[in-house]
Each structure stands twice: as structure tokens, then as C-alpha cells.
Amino acid sequence: MVEGLNGRYSCALCGWVNRWDQSPAPLPSKEDDPDYDKPQPRPKL
């Protein structure tokens, strides 16, 4: 079964995916990802 989102498709059975640039929609940024953790500043030593 091939499923997709925003013109990007993948097959859960065989692992096939189309290339990221084959979709007309722009890729989301890392900040748009709800699981993205913003980097914390390094402590000064």
C-alpha cells in the first residue's frame, strides 16, 4: 500500500519512497516538527 502526504509517498511493505524534490509542496522546517527540541546553550566552563 502506497501512502502519501503533500505529494511525498512511501510504501510500508517494500520501503520505497519518492524523492523529496518530487513534491510541489515545500519541505517543513525543523521548527515545524512538534518533536523538535531547540538546542540548549552550552554551559561556559
N, C-alpha and C. Protein backbone atom coordinates (compact mmCIF):
# COMPACT_ATOMS: atom_id res chain seq x y z
N MET A 1 0.84 -1.17 0.00
CA MET A 1 0.00 0.00 0.00
C MET A 1 0.89 1.24 0.00
N VAL A 2 0.65 2.13 -0.91
CA VAL A 2 1.42 3.36 -1.00
C VAL A 2 0.60 4.48 -0.36
N GLU A 3 1.20 5.18 0.58
CA GLU A 3 0.52 6.28 1.25
C GLU A 3 1.36 7.53 1.09
N GLY A 4 0.71 8.69 1.18
CA GLY A 4 1.48 9.90 0.99
C GLY A 4 0.90 11.10 1.72
N LEU A 5 1.72 12.13 1.76
CA LEU A 5 1.35 13.40 2.37
C LEU A 5 2.06 14.50 1.61
N ASN A 6 1.31 15.48 1.14
CA ASN A 6 1.88 16.62 0.40
C ASN A 6 2.68 16.18 -0.82
N GLY A 7 2.24 15.14 -1.51
CA GLY A 7 2.93 14.71 -2.72
C GLY A 7 4.16 13.86 -2.46
N ARG A 8 4.41 13.50 -1.22
CA ARG A 8 5.53 12.62 -0.89
C ARG A 8 4.94 11.27 -0.51
N TYR A 9 5.42 10.23 -1.14
CA TYR A 9 4.82 8.92 -0.97
C TYR A 9 5.84 7.90 -0.49
N SER A 10 5.33 6.86 0.18
CA SER A 10 6.19 5.76 0.61
C SER A 10 5.36 4.49 0.69
N CYS A 11 6.04 3.36 0.61
CA CYS A 11 5.41 2.05 0.71
C CYS A 11 5.90 1.38 1.98
N ALA A 12 4.97 1.05 2.87
CA ALA A 12 5.33 0.41 4.14
C ALA A 12 5.80 -1.03 3.94
N LEU A 13 5.43 -1.65 2.83
CA LEU A 13 5.80 -3.05 2.62
C LEU A 13 7.22 -3.21 2.08
N CYS A 14 7.57 -2.41 1.07
CA CYS A 14 8.88 -2.61 0.44
C CYS A 14 9.89 -1.51 0.80
N GLY A 15 9.46 -0.42 1.41
CA GLY A 15 10.36 0.64 1.81
C GLY A 15 10.61 1.68 0.74
N TRP A 16 9.92 1.59 -0.41
CA TRP A 16 10.10 2.56 -1.48
C TRP A 16 9.61 3.93 -1.03
N VAL A 17 10.35 4.97 -1.39
CA VAL A 17 9.92 6.36 -1.18
C VAL A 17 10.27 7.16 -2.41
N ASN A 18 9.45 8.17 -2.72
CA ASN A 18 9.84 9.05 -3.83
C ASN A 18 10.77 10.12 -3.28
N ARG A 19 11.51 10.75 -4.19
CA ARG A 19 12.50 11.75 -3.77
C ARG A 19 11.80 12.97 -3.19
N TRP A 20 12.47 13.65 -2.27
CA TRP A 20 11.90 14.80 -1.58
C TRP A 20 11.55 15.93 -2.54
N ASP A 21 12.28 16.04 -3.67
CA ASP A 21 12.04 17.15 -4.59
C ASP A 21 10.96 16.85 -5.63
N GLN A 22 10.30 15.70 -5.54
CA GLN A 22 9.25 15.37 -6.49
C GLN A 22 7.88 15.87 -6.04
N SER A 23 7.82 16.58 -4.95
CA SER A 23 6.57 17.13 -4.45
C SER A 23 6.51 18.62 -4.74
N PRO A 24 5.31 19.13 -5.05
CA PRO A 24 5.19 20.57 -5.28
C PRO A 24 5.18 21.36 -3.98
N ALA A 25 4.95 20.71 -2.85
CA ALA A 25 4.88 21.40 -1.57
C ALA A 25 6.28 21.56 -0.97
N PRO A 26 6.55 22.69 -0.31
CA PRO A 26 7.87 22.85 0.32
C PRO A 26 8.02 21.93 1.52
N LEU A 27 9.25 21.56 1.81
CA LEU A 27 9.50 20.73 2.98
C LEU A 27 9.31 21.57 4.24
N PRO A 28 8.76 20.97 5.29
CA PRO A 28 8.63 21.72 6.54
C PRO A 28 10.01 21.93 7.18
N SER A 29 10.12 22.98 7.96
CA SER A 29 11.39 23.23 8.64
C SER A 29 11.46 22.39 9.91
N LYS A 30 12.64 22.31 10.50
CA LYS A 30 12.76 21.53 11.72
C LYS A 30 11.96 22.16 12.86
N GLU A 31 11.77 23.47 12.82
CA GLU A 31 10.97 24.13 13.84
C GLU A 31 9.49 23.78 13.72
N ASP A 32 9.05 23.36 12.53
CA ASP A 32 7.66 22.95 12.33
C ASP A 32 7.38 21.56 12.89
N ASP A 33 8.42 20.80 13.18
CA ASP A 33 8.28 19.45 13.73
C ASP A 33 7.94 19.55 15.22
N PRO A 34 6.81 18.98 15.65
CA PRO A 34 6.45 19.08 17.07
C PRO A 34 7.43 18.36 17.99
N ASP A 35 8.22 17.44 17.46
CA ASP A 35 9.19 16.71 18.29
C ASP A 35 10.57 17.39 18.32
N TYR A 36 10.70 18.51 17.63
CA TYR A 36 11.99 19.20 17.57
C TYR A 36 12.29 19.85 18.92
N ASP A 37 13.45 19.54 19.45
CA ASP A 37 13.92 20.18 20.67
C ASP A 37 14.93 21.25 20.29
N LYS A 38 14.66 22.47 20.69
CA LYS A 38 15.58 23.54 20.38
C LYS A 38 16.89 23.30 21.12
N PRO A 39 18.01 23.54 20.46
CA PRO A 39 19.30 23.31 21.13
C PRO A 39 19.44 24.21 22.36
N GLN A 40 19.97 23.64 23.39
CA GLN A 40 20.22 24.40 24.62
C GLN A 40 21.61 25.01 24.54
N PRO A 41 21.79 26.22 25.09
CA PRO A 41 23.13 26.81 25.08
C PRO A 41 24.09 25.98 25.93
N ARG A 42 25.32 25.90 25.47
CA ARG A 42 26.32 25.14 26.21
C ARG A 42 26.73 25.92 27.46
N PRO A 43 26.92 25.24 28.57
CA PRO A 43 27.39 25.95 29.76
C PRO A 43 28.85 26.37 29.57
N LYS A 44 29.18 27.52 30.09
CA LYS A 44 30.55 28.00 30.00
C LYS A 44 31.40 27.30 31.05
N LEU A 45 32.58 26.91 30.64
CA LEU A 45 33.48 26.22 31.57
C LEU A 45 34.45 27.15 32.22
